[in-house]
Every structure is written in C-alpha cells, then in structure tokens.
PDB file of N, CA and C in Angstrom:
ATOM      1  N   MET A   1      -4.374   3.920   2.565  1.00  0.00           N
ATOM      2  CA  MET A   1      -3.967   3.602   3.936  1.00  0.00           C
ATOM      3  C   MET A   1      -4.596   4.582   4.921  1.00  0.00           C
ATOM      4  N   LYS A   2      -4.554   5.874   4.565  1.00  0.00           N
ATOM      5  CA  LYS A   2      -5.080   6.888   5.470  1.00  0.00           C
ATOM      6  C   LYS A   2      -6.566   6.653   5.752  1.00  0.00           C
ATOM      7  N   ASN A   3      -7.341   6.359   4.703  1.00  0.00           N
ATOM      8  CA  ASN A   3      -8.771   6.140   4.893  1.00  0.00           C
ATOM      9  C   ASN A   3      -9.053   4.891   5.716  1.00  0.00           C
ATOM     10  N   GLU A   4      -8.292   3.823   5.481  1.00  0.00           N
ATOM     11  CA  GLU A   4      -8.456   2.597   6.264  1.00  0.00           C
ATOM     12  C   GLU A   4      -8.166   2.860   7.739  1.00  0.00           C
ATOM     13  N   LEU A   5      -7.093   3.568   7.998  1.00  0.00           N
ATOM     14  CA  LEU A   5      -6.710   3.881   9.367  1.00  0.00           C
ATOM     15  C   LEU A   5      -7.760   4.772  10.029  1.00  0.00           C
ATOM     16  N   ALA A   6      -8.225   5.774   9.302  1.00  0.00           N
ATOM     17  CA  ALA A   6      -9.250   6.674   9.843  1.00  0.00           C
ATOM     18  C   ALA A   6     -10.522   5.904  10.154  1.00  0.00           C
ATOM     19  N   THR A   7     -10.920   5.012   9.274  1.00  0.00           N
ATOM     20  CA  THR A   7     -12.128   4.208   9.489  1.00  0.00           C
ATOM     21  C   THR A   7     -11.980   3.327  10.723  1.00  0.00           C
ATOM     22  N   LYS A   8     -10.820   2.707  10.854  1.00  0.00           N
ATOM     23  CA  LYS A   8     -10.565   1.837  12.012  1.00  0.00           C
ATOM     24  C   LYS A   8     -10.607   2.640  13.312  1.00  0.00           C
ATOM     25  N   ILE A   9      -9.940   3.774  13.331  1.00  0.00           N
ATOM     26  CA  ILE A   9      -9.911   4.611  14.533  1.00  0.00           C
ATOM     27  C   ILE A   9     -11.302   5.147  14.849  1.00  0.00           C
ATOM     28  N   GLU A  10     -12.038   5.530  13.826  1.00  0.00           N
ATOM     29  CA  GLU A  10     -13.385   6.058  14.036  1.00  0.00           C
ATOM     30  C   GLU A  10     -14.292   5.007  14.663  1.00  0.00           C
ATOM     31  N   LYS A  11     -14.221   3.772  14.204  1.00  0.00           N
ATOM     32  CA  LYS A  11     -15.033   2.688  14.779  1.00  0.00           C
ATOM     33  C   LYS A  11     -14.681   2.475  16.248  1.00  0.00           C
ATOM     34  N   ILE A  12     -13.395   2.484  16.541  1.00  0.00           N
ATOM     35  CA  ILE A  12     -12.964   2.283  17.916  1.00  0.00           C
ATOM     36  C   ILE A  12     -13.403   3.456  18.790  1.00  0.00           C
ATOM     37  N   ALA A  13     -13.319   4.669  18.251  1.00  0.00           N
ATOM     38  CA  ALA A  13     -13.755   5.857  18.997  1.00  0.00           C
ATOM     39  C   ALA A  13     -15.250   5.800  19.282  1.00  0.00           C
ATOM     40  N   ARG A  14     -16.024   5.340  18.329  1.00  0.00           N
ATOM     41  CA  ARG A  14     -17.473   5.215  18.556  1.00  0.00           C
ATOM     42  C   ARG A  14     -17.753   4.260  19.720  1.00  0.00           C
ATOM     43  N   LEU A  15     -17.006   3.173  19.775  1.00  0.00           N
ATOM     44  CA  LEU A  15     -17.154   2.247  20.887  1.00  0.00           C
ATOM     45  C   LEU A  15     -16.763   2.926  22.197  1.00  0.00           C
ATOM     46  N   ALA A  16     -15.671   3.678  22.173  1.00  0.00           N
ATOM     47  CA  ALA A  16     -15.187   4.340  23.390  1.00  0.00           C
ATOM     48  C   ALA A  16     -16.206   5.316  23.955  1.00  0.00           C
ATOM     49  N   PHE A  17     -16.921   6.005  23.082  1.00  0.00           N
ATOM     50  CA  PHE A  17     -17.870   7.029  23.529  1.00  0.00           C
ATOM     51  C   PHE A  17     -19.320   6.565  23.528  1.00  0.00           C
ATOM     52  N   ASP A  18     -19.538   5.299  23.240  1.00  0.00           N
ATOM     53  CA  ASP A  18     -20.898   4.766  23.221  1.00  0.00           C
ATOM     54  C   ASP A  18     -21.454   4.718  24.643  1.00  0.00           C
ATOM     55  N   PRO A  19     -22.604   5.338  24.887  1.00  0.00           N
ATOM     56  CA  PRO A  19     -23.186   5.331  26.236  1.00  0.00           C
ATOM     57  C   PRO A  19     -23.509   3.918  26.743  1.00  0.00           C
ATOM     58  N   ALA A  20     -23.680   2.984  25.816  1.00  0.00           N
ATOM     59  CA  ALA A  20     -24.008   1.615  26.222  1.00  0.00           C
ATOM     60  C   ALA A  20     -22.767   0.796  26.574  1.00  0.00           C
ATOM     61  N   ALA A  21     -21.593   1.311  26.254  1.00  0.00           N
ATOM     62  CA  ALA A  21     -20.360   0.578  26.534  1.00  0.00           C
ATOM     63  C   ALA A  21     -20.028   0.645  28.026  1.00  0.00           C
ATOM     64  N   ALA A  22     -19.537  -0.460  28.538  1.00  0.00           N
ATOM     65  CA  ALA A  22     -19.079  -0.489  29.925  1.00  0.00           C
ATOM     66  C   ALA A  22     -17.817   0.359  30.041  1.00  0.00           C
ATOM     67  N   GLU A  23     -17.524   0.838  31.260  1.00  0.00           N
ATOM     68  CA  GLU A  23     -16.366   1.711  31.450  1.00  0.00           C
ATOM     69  C   GLU A  23     -15.074   1.044  30.966  1.00  0.00           C
ATOM     70  N   GLY A  24     -14.919  -0.231  31.276  1.00  0.00           N
ATOM     71  CA  GLY A  24     -13.719  -0.945  30.852  1.00  0.00           C
ATOM     72  C   GLY A  24     -13.585  -1.013  29.343  1.00  0.00           C
ATOM     73  N   GLU A  25     -14.719  -1.174  28.643  1.00  0.00           N
ATOM     74  CA  GLU A  25     -14.689  -1.196  27.178  1.00  0.00           C
ATOM     75  C   GLU A  25     -14.252   0.153  26.634  1.00  0.00           C
ATOM     76  N   SER A  26     -14.744   1.222  27.239  1.00  0.00           N
ATOM     77  CA  SER A  26     -14.372   2.564  26.799  1.00  0.00           C
ATOM     78  C   SER A  26     -12.887   2.825  27.000  1.00  0.00           C
ATOM     79  N   VAL A  27     -12.375   2.451  28.166  1.00  0.00           N
ATOM     80  CA  VAL A  27     -10.952   2.652  28.470  1.00  0.00           C
ATOM     81  C   VAL A  27     -10.096   1.824  27.515  1.00  0.00           C
ATOM     82  N   SER A  28     -10.477   0.583  27.272  1.00  0.00           N
ATOM     83  CA  SER A  28      -9.718  -0.278  26.356  1.00  0.00           C
ATOM     84  C   SER A  28      -9.717   0.291  24.944  1.00  0.00           C
ATOM     85  N   ALA A  29     -10.861   0.816  24.508  1.00  0.00           N
ATOM     86  CA  ALA A  29     -10.947   1.381  23.163  1.00  0.00           C
ATOM     87  C   ALA A  29     -10.053   2.604  23.030  1.00  0.00           C
ATOM     88  N   LEU A  30     -10.065   3.475  24.035  1.00  0.00           N
ATOM     89  CA  LEU A  30      -9.210   4.665  23.981  1.00  0.00           C
ATOM     90  C   LEU A  30      -7.726   4.289  24.010  1.00  0.00           C
ATOM     91  N   THR A  31      -7.387   3.284  24.786  1.00  0.00           N
ATOM     92  CA  THR A  31      -6.005   2.802  24.827  1.00  0.00           C
ATOM     93  C   THR A  31      -5.590   2.267  23.463  1.00  0.00           C
ATOM     94  N   MET A  32      -6.497   1.548  22.816  1.00  0.00           N
ATOM     95  CA  MET A  32      -6.217   1.002  21.492  1.00  0.00           C
ATOM     96  C   MET A  32      -5.976   2.121  20.479  1.00  0.00           C
ATOM     97  N   ILE A  33      -6.762   3.195  20.565  1.00  0.00           N
ATOM     98  CA  ILE A  33      -6.572   4.329  19.659  1.00  0.00           C
ATOM     99  C   ILE A  33      -5.186   4.936  19.865  1.00  0.00           C
ATOM    100  N   ALA A  34      -4.793   5.108  21.122  1.00  0.00           N
ATOM    101  CA  ALA A  34      -3.474   5.672  21.411  1.00  0.00           C
ATOM    102  C   ALA A  34      -2.370   4.786  20.837  1.00  0.00           C
ATOM    103  N   ARG A  35      -2.496   3.487  20.989  1.00  0.00           N
ATOM    104  CA  ARG A  35      -1.475   2.563  20.465  1.00  0.00           C
ATOM    105  C   ARG A  35      -1.396   2.619  18.944  1.00  0.00           C
ATOM    106  N   ILE A  36      -2.554   2.648  18.286  1.00  0.00           N
ATOM    107  CA  ILE A  36      -2.579   2.688  16.823  1.00  0.00           C
ATOM    108  C   ILE A  36      -1.948   3.971  16.300  1.00  0.00           C
ATOM    109  N   THR A  37      -2.314   5.092  16.902  1.00  0.00           N
ATOM    110  CA  THR A  37      -1.775   6.368  16.421  1.00  0.00           C
ATOM    111  C   THR A  37      -0.272   6.458  16.658  1.00  0.00           C
ATOM    112  N   ARG A  38       0.176   6.024  17.815  1.00  0.00           N
ATOM    113  CA  ARG A  38       1.630   6.053  18.093  1.00  0.00           C
ATOM    114  C   ARG A  38       2.388   5.147  17.135  1.00  0.00           C
ATOM    115  N   LYS A  39       1.851   3.950  16.919  1.00  0.00           N
ATOM    116  CA  LYS A  39       2.500   2.986  16.026  1.00  0.00           C
ATOM    117  C   LYS A  39       2.649   3.553  14.620  1.00  0.00           C
ATOM    118  N   ASN A  40       1.692   4.369  14.208  1.00  0.00           N
ATOM    119  CA  ASN A  40       1.706   4.957  12.876  1.00  0.00           C
ATOM    120  C   ASN A  40       2.333   6.347  12.836  1.00  0.00           C
ATOM    121  N   GLY A  41       2.934   6.776  13.958  1.00  0.00           N
ATOM    122  CA  GLY A  41       3.635   8.057  14.015  1.00  0.00           C
ATOM    123  C   GLY A  41       2.718   9.266  13.882  1.00  0.00           C
ATOM    124  N   ILE A  42       1.510   9.148  14.379  1.00  0.00           N
ATOM    125  CA  ILE A  42       0.538  10.233  14.261  1.00  0.00           C
ATOM    126  C   ILE A  42       0.486  11.012  15.569  1.00  0.00           C
ATOM    127  N   ASP A  43       0.714  12.331  15.482  1.00  0.00           N
ATOM    128  CA  ASP A  43       0.585  13.185  16.668  1.00  0.00           C
ATOM    129  C   ASP A  43      -0.856  13.685  16.779  1.00  0.00           C
ATOM    130  N   PHE A  44      -1.130  14.536  17.753  1.00  0.00           N
ATOM    131  CA  PHE A  44      -2.500  14.989  17.988  1.00  0.00           C
ATOM    132  C   PHE A  44      -3.067  15.736  16.787  1.00  0.00           C
ATOM    133  N   ASP A  45      -2.293  16.641  16.208  1.00  0.00           N
ATOM    134  CA  ASP A  45      -2.771  17.379  15.036  1.00  0.00           C
ATOM    135  C   ASP A  45      -3.005  16.441  13.853  1.00  0.00           C
ATOM    136  N   GLY A  46      -2.138  15.477  13.694  1.00  0.00           N
ATOM    137  CA  GLY A  46      -2.325  14.476  12.643  1.00  0.00           C
ATOM    138  C   GLY A  46      -3.558  13.635  12.885  1.00  0.00           C
ATOM    139  N   PHE A  47      -3.823  13.348  14.156  1.00  0.00           N
ATOM    140  CA  PHE A  47      -5.012  12.592  14.547  1.00  0.00           C
ATOM    141  C   PHE A  47      -6.272  13.362  14.174  1.00  0.00           C
ATOM    142  N   ARG A  48      -6.305  14.645  14.508  1.00  0.00           N
ATOM    143  CA  ARG A  48      -7.461  15.496  14.161  1.00  0.00           C
ATOM    144  C   ARG A  48      -7.641  15.547  12.650  1.00  0.00           C
ATOM    145  N   ASN A  49      -6.555  15.717  11.938  1.00  0.00           N
ATOM    146  CA  ASN A  49      -6.611  15.775  10.483  1.00  0.00           C
ATOM    147  C   ASN A  49      -7.097  14.451   9.900  1.00  0.00           C
ATOM    148  N   LEU A  50      -6.587  13.357  10.424  1.00  0.00           N
ATOM    149  CA  LEU A  50      -6.958  12.023   9.954  1.00  0.00           C
ATOM    150  C   LEU A  50      -8.462  11.799  10.057  1.00  0.00           C
ATOM    151  N   LEU A  51      -9.047  12.258  11.146  1.00  0.00           N
ATOM    152  CA  LEU A  51     -10.480  12.068  11.355  1.00  0.00           C
ATOM    153  C   LEU A  51     -11.330  13.169  10.742  1.00  0.00           C
ATOM    154  N   GLY A  52     -10.705  14.163  10.166  1.00  0.00           N
ATOM    155  CA  GLY A  52     -11.459  15.232   9.523  1.00  0.00           C
ATOM    156  C   GLY A  52     -12.221  16.099  10.501  1.00  0.00           C
ATOM    157  N   VAL A  53     -11.667  16.297  11.688  1.00  0.00           N
ATOM    158  CA  VAL A  53     -12.332  17.086  12.715  1.00  0.00           C
ATOM    159  C   VAL A  53     -12.594  18.507  12.247  1.00  0.00           C
ATOM    160  N   ASN A  54     -11.736  19.040  11.408  1.00  0.00           N
ATOM    161  CA  ASN A  54     -11.902  20.412  10.941  1.00  0.00           C
ATOM    162  C   ASN A  54     -12.827  20.520   9.737  1.00  0.00           C
ATOM    163  N   ALA A  55     -13.329  19.395   9.251  1.00  0.00           N
ATOM    164  CA  ALA A  55     -14.237  19.420   8.102  1.00  0.00           C
ATOM    165  C   ALA A  55     -15.558  20.070   8.503  1.00  0.00           C
ATOM    166  N   PRO A  56     -16.248  20.714   7.547  1.00  0.00           N
ATOM    167  CA  PRO A  56     -17.523  21.368   7.859  1.00  0.00           C
ATOM    168  C   PRO A  56     -18.540  20.429   8.505  1.00  0.00           C
ATOM    169  N   THR A  57     -18.653  19.215   7.990  1.00  0.00           N
ATOM    170  CA  THR A  57     -19.530  18.219   8.594  1.00  0.00           C
ATOM    171  C   THR A  57     -18.642  17.112   9.111  1.00  0.00           C
ATOM    172  N   SER A  58     -18.517  17.009  10.415  1.00  0.00           N
ATOM    173  CA  SER A  58     -17.606  16.041  11.013  1.00  0.00           C
ATOM    174  C   SER A  58     -18.009  14.617  10.688  1.00  0.00           C
ATOM    175  N   ARG A  59     -17.025  13.798  10.309  1.00  0.00           N
ATOM    176  CA  ARG A  59     -17.288  12.383  10.069  1.00  0.00           C
ATOM    177  C   ARG A  59     -17.543  11.657  11.375  1.00  0.00           C
ATOM    178  N   LEU A  60     -17.300  12.315  12.494  1.00  0.00           N
ATOM    179  CA  LEU A  60     -17.556  11.678  13.776  1.00  0.00           C
ATOM    180  C   LEU A  60     -19.006  11.827  14.217  1.00  0.00           C
ATOM    181  N   GLN A  61     -19.805  12.541  13.424  1.00  0.00           N
ATOM    182  CA  GLN A  61     -21.206  12.728  13.791  1.00  0.00           C
ATOM    183  C   GLN A  61     -21.881  11.362  13.869  1.00  0.00           C
ATOM    184  N   ARG A  62     -22.598  11.136  14.954  1.00  0.00           N
ATOM    185  CA  ARG A  62     -23.194   9.841  15.215  1.00  0.00           C
ATOM    186  C   ARG A  62     -24.504   9.670  14.463  1.00  0.00           C
ATOM    187  N   THR A  63     -24.603   8.592  13.712  1.00  0.00           N
ATOM    188  CA  THR A  63     -25.845   8.225  13.066  1.00  0.00           C
ATOM    189  C   THR A  63     -26.147   6.780  13.407  1.00  0.00           C
ATOM    190  N   ALA A  64     -27.384   6.393  13.261  1.00  0.00           N
ATOM    191  CA  ALA A  64     -27.794   5.041  13.634  1.00  0.00           C
ATOM    192  C   ALA A  64     -27.006   3.971  12.885  1.00  0.00           C
ATOM    193  N   SER A  65     -26.647   4.236  11.654  1.00  0.00           N
ATOM    194  CA  SER A  65     -25.947   3.216  10.879  1.00  0.00           C
ATOM    195  C   SER A  65     -24.460   3.122  11.191  1.00  0.00           C
ATOM    196  N   THR A  66     -23.950   3.967  12.095  1.00  0.00           N
ATOM    197  CA  THR A  66     -22.532   3.899  12.440  1.00  0.00           C
ATOM    198  C   THR A  66     -22.293   3.554  13.904  1.00  0.00           C
ATOM    199  N   ILE A  67     -23.312   3.147  14.609  1.00  0.00           N
ATOM    200  CA  ILE A  67     -23.151   2.712  15.997  1.00  0.00           C
ATOM    201  C   ILE A  67     -22.398   1.387  15.993  1.00  0.00           C
ATOM    202  N   VAL A  68     -21.439   1.252  16.878  1.00  0.00           N
ATOM    203  CA  VAL A  68     -20.580   0.071  16.926  1.00  0.00           C
ATOM    204  C   VAL A  68     -21.039  -0.877  18.028  1.00  0.00           C
ATOM    205  N   MET A  69     -21.078  -2.172  17.706  1.00  0.00           N
ATOM    206  CA  MET A  69     -21.457  -3.200  18.679  1.00  0.00           C
ATOM    207  C   MET A  69     -20.316  -3.358  19.687  1.00  0.00           C
ATOM    208  N   PRO A  70     -20.614  -3.181  20.991  1.00  0.00           N
ATOM    209  CA  PRO A  70     -19.557  -3.205  21.990  1.00  0.00           C
ATOM    210  C   PRO A  70     -19.221  -4.589  22.549  1.00  0.00           C
ATOM    211  N   PHE A  71     -19.903  -5.642  22.097  1.00  0.00           N
ATOM    212  CA  PHE A  71     -19.660  -6.979  22.646  1.00  0.00           C
ATOM    213  C   PHE A  71     -20.103  -8.035  21.644  1.00  0.00           C
ATOM    214  N   GLY A  72     -19.800  -9.287  21.978  1.00  0.00           N
ATOM    215  CA  GLY A  72     -20.296 -10.411  21.194  1.00  0.00           C
ATOM    216  C   GLY A  72     -19.491 -10.698  19.941  1.00  0.00           C
ATOM    217  N   LYS A  73     -20.059 -11.553  19.098  1.00  0.00           N
ATOM    218  CA  LYS A  73     -19.333 -12.002  17.914  1.00  0.00           C
ATOM    219  C   LYS A  73     -19.128 -10.909  16.871  1.00  0.00           C
ATOM    220  N   TYR A  74     -19.849  -9.795  17.004  1.00  0.00           N
ATOM    221  CA  TYR A  74     -19.693  -8.680  16.069  1.00  0.00           C
ATOM    222  C   TYR A  74     -19.088  -7.442  16.739  1.00  0.00           C
ATOM    223  N   THR A  75     -18.320  -7.641  17.779  1.00  0.00           N
ATOM    224  CA  THR A  75     -17.655  -6.528  18.474  1.00  0.00           C
ATOM    225  C   THR A  75     -16.882  -5.669  17.480  1.00  0.00           C
ATOM    226  N   GLY A  76     -17.097  -4.340  17.568  1.00  0.00           N
ATOM    227  CA  GLY A  76     -16.375  -3.404  16.726  1.00  0.00           C
ATOM    228  C   GLY A  76     -16.973  -3.184  15.354  1.00  0.00           C
ATOM    229  N   ARG A  77     -18.026  -3.920  15.010  1.00  0.00           N
ATOM    230  CA  ARG A  77     -18.675  -3.736  13.712  1.00  0.00           C
ATOM    231  C   ARG A  77     -19.898  -2.841  13.884  1.00  0.00           C
ATOM    232  N   THR A  78     -20.192  -2.061  12.864  1.00  0.00           N
ATOM    233  CA  THR A  78     -21.333  -1.157  12.947  1.00  0.00           C
ATOM    234  C   THR A  78     -22.633  -1.935  12.793  1.00  0.00           C
ATOM    235  N   LEU A  79     -23.727  -1.313  13.232  1.00  0.00           N
ATOM    236  CA  LEU A  79     -25.032  -1.951  13.082  1.00  0.00           C
ATOM    237  C   LEU A  79     -25.323  -2.217  11.609  1.00  0.00           C
ATOM    238  N   GLU A  80     -24.927  -1.302  10.756  1.00  0.00           N
ATOM    239  CA  GLU A  80     -25.144  -1.492   9.313  1.00  0.00           C
ATOM    240  C   GLU A  80     -24.390  -2.716   8.807  1.00  0.00           C
ATOM    241  N   GLU A  81     -23.133  -2.874   9.223  1.00  0.00           N
ATOM    242  CA  GLU A  81     -22.347  -4.042   8.808  1.00  0.00           C
ATOM    243  C   GLU A  81     -22.980  -5.331   9.318  1.00  0.00           C
ATOM    244  N   ILE A  82     -23.428  -5.313  10.561  1.00  0.00           N
ATOM    245  CA  ILE A  82     -24.059  -6.504  11.138  1.00  0.00           C
ATOM    246  C   ILE A  82     -25.354  -6.815  10.405  1.00  0.00           C
ATOM    247  N   TYR A  83     -26.133  -5.781  10.118  1.00  0.00           N
ATOM    248  CA  TYR A  83     -27.405  -5.963   9.428  1.00  0.00           C
ATOM    249  C   TYR A  83     -27.187  -6.613   8.064  1.00  0.00           C
ATOM    250  N   GLN A  84     -26.145  -6.187   7.359  1.00  0.00           N
ATOM    251  CA  GLN A  84     -25.856  -6.748   6.040  1.00  0.00           C
ATOM    252  C   GLN A  84     -25.439  -8.222   6.146  1.00  0.00           C
ATOM    253  N   ALA A  85     -24.707  -8.562   7.197  1.00  0.00           N
ATOM    254  CA  ALA A  85     -24.187  -9.923   7.357  1.00  0.00           C
ATOM    255  C   ALA A  85     -25.168 -10.860   8.059  1.00  0.00           C
ATOM    256  N   ASP A  86     -25.897 -10.340   9.043  1.00  0.00           N
ATOM    257  CA  ASP A  86     -26.697 -11.217   9.905  1.00  0.00           C
ATOM    258  C   ASP A  86     -27.821 -10.427  10.592  1.00  0.00           C
ATOM    259  N   PRO A  87     -28.867 -10.042   9.846  1.00  0.00           N
ATOM    260  CA  PRO A  87     -29.926  -9.230  10.440  1.00  0.00           C
ATOM    261  C   PRO A  87     -30.625  -9.916  11.621  1.00  0.00           C
ATOM    262  N   ASP A  88     -30.629 -11.238  11.624  1.00  0.00           N
ATOM    263  CA  ASP A  88     -31.260 -11.960  12.735  1.00  0.00           C
ATOM    264  C   ASP A  88     -30.540 -11.698  14.062  1.00  0.00           C
ATOM    265  N   TYR A  89     -29.237 -11.456  13.990  1.00  0.00           N
ATOM    266  CA  TYR A  89     -28.486 -11.158  15.213  1.00  0.00           C
ATOM    267  C   TYR A  89     -28.996  -9.864  15.846  1.00  0.00           C
ATOM    268  N   LEU A  90     -29.249  -8.857  15.031  1.00  0.00           N
ATOM    269  CA  LEU A  90     -29.779  -7.597  15.574  1.00  0.00           C
ATOM    270  C   LEU A  90     -31.183  -7.789  16.138  1.00  0.00           C
ATOM    271  N   GLU A  91     -31.967  -8.629  15.489  1.00  0.00           N
ATOM    272  CA  GLU A  91     -33.296  -8.952  16.038  1.00  0.00           C
ATOM    273  C   GLU A  91     -33.140  -9.588  17.417  1.00  0.00           C
ATOM    274  N   TRP A  92     -32.169 -10.492  17.535  1.00  0.00           N
ATOM    275  CA  TRP A  92     -31.919 -11.144  18.823  1.00  0.00           C
ATOM    276  C   TRP A  92     -31.488 -10.117  19.871  1.00  0.00           C
ATOM    277  N   VAL A  93     -30.560  -9.235  19.507  1.00  0.00           N
ATOM    278  CA  VAL A  93     -30.103  -8.200  20.444  1.00  0.00           C
ATOM    279  C   VAL A  93     -31.283  -7.362  20.907  1.00  0.00           C
ATOM    280  N   SER A  94     -32.165  -7.007  19.987  1.00  0.00           N
ATOM    281  CA  SER A  94     -33.308  -6.152  20.334  1.00  0.00           C
ATOM    282  C   SER A  94     -34.250  -6.819  21.330  1.00  0.00           C
ATOM    283  N   ARG A  95     -34.261  -8.154  21.346  1.00  0.00           N
ATOM    284  CA  ARG A  95     -35.131  -8.876  22.291  1.00  0.00           C
ATOM    285  C   ARG A  95     -34.400  -9.322  23.561  1.00  0.00           C
ATOM    286  N   ALA A  96     -33.177  -9.788  23.399  1.00  0.00           N
ATOM    287  CA  ALA A  96     -32.504 -10.492  24.494  1.00  0.00           C
ATOM    288  C   ALA A  96     -31.606  -9.619  25.371  1.00  0.00           C
ATOM    289  N   VAL A  97     -31.065  -8.554  24.835  1.00  0.00           N
ATOM    290  CA  VAL A  97     -30.116  -7.744  25.592  1.00  0.00           C
ATOM    291  C   VAL A  97     -30.904  -6.691  26.370  1.00  0.00           C
ATOM    292  N   THR A  98     -31.149  -6.999  27.633  1.00  0.00           N
ATOM    293  CA  THR A  98     -31.942  -6.089  28.469  1.00  0.00           C
ATOM    294  C   THR A  98     -31.082  -5.288  29.432  1.00  0.00           C
ATOM    295  N   SER A  99     -29.846  -5.694  29.629  1.00  0.00           N
ATOM    296  CA  SER A  99     -28.981  -5.006  30.596  1.00  0.00           C
ATOM    297  C   SER A  99     -28.343  -3.740  30.022  1.00  0.00           C
ATOM    298  N   ARG A 100     -28.394  -3.576  28.722  1.00  0.00           N
ATOM    299  CA  ARG A 100     -27.808  -2.396  28.064  1.00  0.00           C
ATOM    300  C   ARG A 100     -28.929  -1.655  27.345  1.00  0.00           C
ATOM    301  N   LYS A 101     -29.655  -0.890  28.132  1.00  0.00           N
ATOM    302  CA  LYS A 101     -30.861  -0.243  27.619  1.00  0.00           C
ATOM    303  C   LYS A 101     -30.588   0.701  26.461  1.00  0.00           C
ATOM    304  N   GLU A 102     -29.501   1.470  26.537  1.00  0.00           N
ATOM    305  CA  GLU A 102     -29.196   2.427  25.467  1.00  0.00           C
ATOM    306  C   GLU A 102     -28.883   1.694  24.166  1.00  0.00           C
ATOM    307  N   LEU A 103     -28.080   0.639  24.247  1.00  0.00           N
ATOM    308  CA  LEU A 103     -27.757  -0.135  23.050  1.00  0.00           C
ATOM    309  C   LEU A 103     -29.026  -0.757  22.476  1.00  0.00           C
ATOM    310  N   ARG A 104     -29.839  -1.327  23.326  1.00  0.00           N
ATOM    311  CA  ARG A 104     -31.087  -1.954  22.869  1.00  0.00           C
ATOM    312  C   ARG A 104     -31.960  -0.932  22.138  1.00  0.00           C
ATOM    313  N   LYS A 105     -32.058   0.270  22.684  1.00  0.00           N
ATOM    314  CA  LYS A 105     -32.849   1.330  22.056  1.00  0.00           C
ATOM    315  C   LYS A 105     -32.258   1.695  20.700  1.00  0.00           C
ATOM    316  N   GLN A 106     -30.941   1.792  20.629  1.00  0.00           N
ATOM    317  CA  GLN A 106     -30.292   2.133  19.367  1.00  0.00           C
ATOM    318  C   GLN A 106     -30.556   1.058  18.315  1.00  0.00           C
ATOM    319  N   VAL A 107     -30.485  -0.208  18.722  1.00  0.00           N
ATOM    320  CA  VAL A 107     -30.741  -1.307  17.784  1.00  0.00           C
ATOM    321  C   VAL A 107     -32.198  -1.285  17.336  1.00  0.00           C
ATOM    322  N   LEU A 108     -33.108  -1.093  18.275  1.00  0.00           N
ATOM    323  CA  LEU A 108     -34.528  -1.021  17.920  1.00  0.00           C
ATOM    324  C   LEU A 108     -34.804   0.123  16.950  1.00  0.00           C
ATOM    325  N   ASP A 109     -34.223   1.294  17.216  1.00  0.00           N
ATOM    326  CA  ASP A 109     -34.389   2.441  16.322  1.00  0.00           C
ATOM    327  C   ASP A 109     -33.816   2.138  14.936  1.00  0.00           C
ATOM    328  N   PHE A 110     -32.647   1.520  14.918  1.00  0.00           N
ATOM    329  CA  PHE A 110     -32.008   1.167  13.657  1.00  0.00           C
ATOM    330  C   PHE A 110     -32.884   0.204  12.863  1.00  0.00           C
ATOM    331  N   LEU A 111     -33.374  -0.843  13.512  1.00  0.00           N
ATOM    332  CA  LEU A 111     -34.219  -1.827  12.830  1.00  0.00           C
ATOM    333  C   LEU A 111     -35.526  -1.187  12.345  1.00  0.00           C
ATOM    334  N   HIS A 112     -36.086  -0.315  13.150  1.00  0.00           N
ATOM    335  CA  HIS A 112     -37.311   0.385  12.756  1.00  0.00           C
ATOM    336  C   HIS A 112     -37.076   1.195  11.483  1.00  0.00           C
ATOM    337  N   THR A 113     -35.941   1.889  11.434  1.00  0.00           N
ATOM    338  CA  THR A 113     -35.597   2.669  10.242  1.00  0.00           C
ATOM    339  C   THR A 113     -35.433   1.775   9.034  1.00  0.00           C
ATOM    340  N   LYS A 114     -34.759   0.644   9.210  1.00  0.00           N
ATOM    341  CA  LYS A 114     -34.549  -0.296   8.107  1.00  0.00           C
ATOM    342  C   LYS A 114     -35.879  -0.851   7.602  1.00  0.00           C
ATOM    343  N   ARG A 115     -36.755  -1.223   8.508  1.00  0.00           N
ATOM    344  CA  ARG A 115     -38.053  -1.782   8.125  1.00  0.00           C
ATOM    345  C   ARG A 115     -38.894  -0.767   7.359  1.00  0.00           C
ATOM    346  N   ASN A 116     -38.819   0.499   7.755  1.00  0.00           N
ATOM    347  CA  ASN A 116     -39.604   1.538   7.095  1.00  0.00           C
ATOM    348  C   ASN A 116     -39.059   1.897   5.718  1.00  0.00           C
ATOM    349  N   LYS A 117     -37.796   1.613   5.464  1.00  0.00           N
ATOM    350  CA  LYS A 117     -37.211   1.871   4.145  1.00  0.00           C
ATOM    351  C   LYS A 117     -37.623   0.809   3.151  1.00  0.00           C
ATOM    352  N   ASN A 118     -37.884  -0.388   3.649  1.00  0.00           N
ATOM    353  CA  ASN A 118     -38.202  -1.523   2.743  1.00  0.00           C
ATOM    354  C   ASN A 118     -39.656  -1.688   2.522  1.00  0.00           C
TER     355      ASN A 118
END
C-alpha cells in the first residue's frame, strides 16, 4: 500500500512541478496531493518519509522516463508508460503540440533516447 500511494503521489507531484503544466493544472495536482495525504492520515513528516525525501538519492529526481503527461487521454501517465502502451501518441505529441514547448522538448528528448537504445 505504501509503495502504491508513494507512486501515485509522486506522479501527481511531477505534474504539479512540470514546467509545461498550466498554472491551473499545477494547483489542481497539489490540491489532489493534499487530499490524498489527509485521507490516508499522513502528516508532513509522514509525507516526506513516504516519498523518501531523506534517502541518499531522492526518488523525486526528474528523469526523462518519469515525466508525466499533463493533458489528453494519457493524463497523469509517465512518458515511459505511454511509450509502452502507444508510442505513436508520443510521436504525435512531438509533432502536433506546439503550444507547450517544454513538454514538446521533453517528449522529443525522450523519443531520441529511446531510438538510440534500439
């Protein structure tokens, strides 16, 4: 349960702090985190512990494979999850989404990394 909850909160936090997310998306994501933690009786110290903030290598460290999609049919899913389910969708985002330059760059970088691994 703890790992599932931590994973869920971490995904939402990534959306909240994503530079490509609109302000309203960030506020909604942070509100959702507060509701989840309160519902589960987690205080601030418990929240830090849950996310492993005190660990030597923080699980909150941002990597290309953990960027969360802030909109669309894959909202809240990481680029890696989307790539596994529907790589064509990421190709579409890389071409069609021009209003969110940071997200587009992240998707392009992610796809470039994937292509170079294969």
